[in-house]
C-alpha atoms as a PDB file:
ATOM      1  CA  MET A   1     -20.166  -2.016   1.918  1.00  0.00           C
ATOM      2  CA  PHE A   2     -17.926  -4.868   0.718  1.00  0.00           C
ATOM      3  CA  GLU A   3     -16.140  -2.437  -1.602  1.00  0.00           C
ATOM      4  CA  VAL A   4     -15.477   0.075   1.184  1.00  0.00           C
ATOM      5  CA  LYS A   5     -14.099  -2.626   3.487  1.00  0.00           C
ATOM      6  CA  THR A   6     -11.917  -4.026   0.711  1.00  0.00           C
ATOM      7  CA  ILE A   7     -10.420  -0.638  -0.154  1.00  0.00           C
ATOM      8  CA  ALA A   8      -9.916   0.235   3.534  1.00  0.00           C
ATOM      9  CA  LEU A   9      -8.100  -3.071   4.039  1.00  0.00           C
ATOM     10  CA  PHE A  10      -5.901  -2.336   1.004  1.00  0.00           C
ATOM     11  CA  ILE A  11      -5.032   1.104   2.401  1.00  0.00           C
ATOM     12  CA  ILE A  12      -4.144  -0.273   5.843  1.00  0.00           C
ATOM     13  CA  THR A  13      -2.086  -3.014   4.186  1.00  0.00           C
ATOM     14  CA  ALA A  14      -0.217  -0.451   2.084  1.00  0.00           C
ATOM     15  CA  LEU A  15       0.519   1.719   5.117  1.00  0.00           C
ATOM     16  CA  ALA A  16       1.916  -1.280   6.997  1.00  0.00           C
ATOM     17  CA  GLU A  17       4.219  -2.066   4.067  1.00  0.00           C
ATOM     18  CA  ILE A  18       5.338   1.527   3.554  1.00  0.00           C
ATOM     19  CA  ILE A  19       6.057   2.058   7.252  1.00  0.00           C
ATOM     20  CA  GLY A  20       7.900  -1.266   7.376  1.00  0.00           C
ATOM     21  CA  CYS A  21      10.150  -0.090   4.549  1.00  0.00           C
ATOM     22  CA  TYR A  22      10.416   3.571   5.531  1.00  0.00           C
ATOM     23  CA  LEU A  23      11.802   2.929   9.009  1.00  0.00           C
ATOM     24  CA  PRO A  24      14.869   0.975   7.775  1.00  0.00           C
ATOM     25  CA  TYR A  25      15.367   3.722   5.197  1.00  0.00           C
ATOM     26  CA  LEU A  26      15.530   6.258   8.046  1.00  0.00           C
ATOM     27  CA  TRP A  27      18.127   4.114   9.821  1.00  0.00           C
ATOM     28  CA  LEU A  28      20.227   3.515   6.695  1.00  0.00           C
ATOM     29  CA  LYS A  29      20.010   6.891   4.970  1.00  0.00           C
ATOM     30  CA  GLU A  30      19.065   9.420   7.641  1.00  0.00           C
ATOM     31  CA  ASP A  31      21.302   8.096  10.434  1.00  0.00           C
ATOM     32  CA  LYS A  32      18.399   7.340  12.773  1.00  0.00           C
ATOM     33  CA  SER A  33      18.414   4.726  15.536  1.00  0.00           C
ATOM     34  CA  ILE A  34      18.845   1.059  14.689  1.00  0.00           C
ATOM     35  CA  LEU A  35      15.945   0.473  17.076  1.00  0.00           C
ATOM     36  CA  LEU A  36      13.660   1.561  14.232  1.00  0.00           C
ATOM     37  CA  LEU A  37      14.195  -1.926  12.833  1.00  0.00           C
ATOM     38  CA  ILE A  38      11.989  -3.353  15.592  1.00  0.00           C
ATOM     39  CA  PRO A  39       8.786  -1.496  14.637  1.00  0.00           C
ATOM     40  CA  ALA A  40       9.760  -1.993  10.976  1.00  0.00           C
ATOM     41  CA  ALA A  41       9.783  -5.767  11.437  1.00  0.00           C
ATOM     42  CA  ILE A  42       6.467  -5.623  13.288  1.00  0.00           C
ATOM     43  CA  SER A  43       4.964  -3.481  10.545  1.00  0.00           C
ATOM     44  CA  LEU A  44       6.116  -5.863   7.808  1.00  0.00           C
ATOM     45  CA  ALA A  45       4.755  -8.849   9.744  1.00  0.00           C
ATOM     46  CA  LEU A  46       1.460  -6.970  10.058  1.00  0.00           C
ATOM     47  CA  PHE A  47       1.566  -6.309   6.307  1.00  0.00           C
ATOM     48  CA  ALA A  48       1.967 -10.029   5.554  1.00  0.00           C
ATOM     49  CA  TRP A  49      -0.853 -10.940   7.927  1.00  0.00           C
ATOM     50  CA  LEU A  50      -3.163  -8.287   6.478  1.00  0.00           C
ATOM     51  CA  LEU A  51      -2.684  -9.740   3.003  1.00  0.00           C
ATOM     52  CA  THR A  52      -4.196 -12.994   4.285  1.00  0.00           C
ATOM     53  CA  LEU A  53      -7.402 -11.186   5.286  1.00  0.00           C
ATOM     54  CA  HIS A  54      -8.371 -10.226   1.757  1.00  0.00           C
ATOM     55  CA  PRO A  55     -11.401 -12.193   0.551  1.00  0.00           C
ATOM     56  CA  VAL A  56     -10.246 -13.056  -2.981  1.00  0.00           C
ATOM     57  CA  ALA A  57      -7.603 -15.281  -4.570  1.00  0.00           C
ATOM     58  CA  ALA A  58      -4.061 -14.403  -3.512  1.00  0.00           C
ATOM     59  CA  GLY A  59      -2.783 -13.564  -7.002  1.00  0.00           C
ATOM     60  CA  ARG A  60      -5.716 -11.251  -7.598  1.00  0.00           C
ATOM     61  CA  VAL A  61      -5.134  -9.580  -4.234  1.00  0.00           C
ATOM     62  CA  TYR A  62      -1.478  -8.884  -5.026  1.00  0.00           C
ATOM     63  CA  ALA A  63      -2.344  -7.505  -8.457  1.00  0.00           C
ATOM     64  CA  ALA A  64      -5.088  -5.213  -7.165  1.00  0.00           C
ATOM     65  CA  TYR A  65      -3.121  -4.239  -4.077  1.00  0.00           C
ATOM     66  CA  GLY A  66      -0.414  -2.864  -6.361  1.00  0.00           C
ATOM     67  CA  GLY A  67      -2.793  -0.178  -7.601  1.00  0.00           C
ATOM     68  CA  VAL A  68      -3.676   0.941  -4.104  1.00  0.00           C
ATOM     69  CA  TYR A  69      -0.029   0.809  -3.057  1.00  0.00           C
ATOM     70  CA  VAL A  70       0.890   3.228  -5.852  1.00  0.00           C
ATOM     71  CA  CYS A  71      -1.653   5.750  -4.571  1.00  0.00           C
ATOM     72  CA  VAL A  72      -0.743   5.386  -0.908  1.00  0.00           C
ATOM     73  CA  ALA A  73       2.969   5.656  -1.735  1.00  0.00           C
ATOM     74  CA  LEU A  74       2.347   8.904  -3.618  1.00  0.00           C
ATOM     75  CA  LEU A  75       0.282  10.253  -0.733  1.00  0.00           C
ATOM     76  CA  TRP A  76       3.156   9.302   1.615  1.00  0.00           C
ATOM     77  CA  LEU A  77       5.587  11.116  -0.679  1.00  0.00           C
ATOM     78  CA  TRP A  78       3.411  14.215  -0.496  1.00  0.00           C
ATOM     79  CA  GLY A  79       2.334  14.044   3.174  1.00  0.00           C
ATOM     80  CA  VAL A  80       5.463  12.718   4.881  1.00  0.00           C
ATOM     81  CA  ASP A  81       8.316  13.635   2.561  1.00  0.00           C
ATOM     82  CA  GLY A  82       6.776  16.953   1.513  1.00  0.00           C
ATOM     83  CA  VAL A  83       7.257  16.398  -2.219  1.00  0.00           C
ATOM     84  CA  LYS A  84       4.726  18.159  -4.434  1.00  0.00           C
ATOM     85  CA  LEU A  85       2.925  15.707  -6.687  1.00  0.00           C
ATOM     86  CA  THR A  86       2.812  16.353 -10.416  1.00  0.00           C
ATOM     87  CA  VAL A  87      -0.184  16.042 -12.675  1.00  0.00           C
ATOM     88  CA  TRP A  88       1.438  12.852 -13.998  1.00  0.00           C
ATOM     89  CA  ASP A  89       1.583  11.419 -10.493  1.00  0.00           C
ATOM     90  CA  VAL A  90      -2.145  12.005 -10.170  1.00  0.00           C
ATOM     91  CA  VAL A  91      -2.890  10.572 -13.628  1.00  0.00           C
ATOM     92  CA  GLY A  92      -0.773   7.500 -12.881  1.00  0.00           C
ATOM     93  CA  ALA A  93      -2.451   6.985  -9.515  1.00  0.00           C
ATOM     94  CA  THR A  94      -5.869   7.277 -11.149  1.00  0.00           C
ATOM     95  CA  VAL A  95      -4.953   4.664 -13.760  1.00  0.00           C
ATOM     96  CA  ALA A  96      -3.594   2.382 -11.020  1.00  0.00           C
ATOM     97  CA  LEU A  97      -6.826   2.726  -9.011  1.00  0.00           C
ATOM     98  CA  LEU A  98      -8.919   2.062 -12.092  1.00  0.00           C
ATOM     99  CA  GLY A  99      -6.928  -1.121 -12.682  1.00  0.00           C
ATOM    100  CA  MET A 100      -7.441  -2.160  -9.063  1.00  0.00           C
ATOM    101  CA  ALA A 101     -11.188  -1.575  -9.344  1.00  0.00           C
ATOM    102  CA  ILE A 102     -11.432  -3.649 -12.529  1.00  0.00           C
ATOM    103  CA  ILE A 103      -9.511  -6.543 -10.982  1.00  0.00           C
ATOM    104  CA  ILE A 104     -11.376  -6.611  -7.683  1.00  0.00           C
ATOM    105  CA  PHE A 105     -14.915  -5.578  -8.551  1.00  0.00           C
ATOM    106  CA  ALA A 106     -15.462  -7.082 -12.006  1.00  0.00           C
ATOM    107  CA  PRO A 107     -17.881 -10.020 -12.067  1.00  0.00           C
ATOM    108  CA  LYS A 108     -16.093 -13.328 -11.533  1.00  0.00           C
ATOM    109  CA  SER A 109     -17.026 -16.499 -13.379  1.00  0.00           C
ATOM    110  CA  ALA A 110     -17.803 -19.515 -11.200  1.00  0.00           C
END
């Protein structure tokens, strides 16, 4: 159950970061309302707070989180931006997730 909670927390953290960066992108590049910066700031603050909830050392969290972020970003690219993923996207995401799993779930010395 610990593993499921950890991965779910990584996914929620990644979504908060992606949304926090995507909304300013919409304002800057897609000529959307500047008011999008308000939920963007809230989302990025949520992202920072969520990182503090992870149960392992901060450096390890950031390293492992990177693997999950890669996968969530690719899913965002596919689901929100409508870009078809390549086989290399999937292979890269799989490697990133494998790296995350090794970092987080490998036995730790005391």
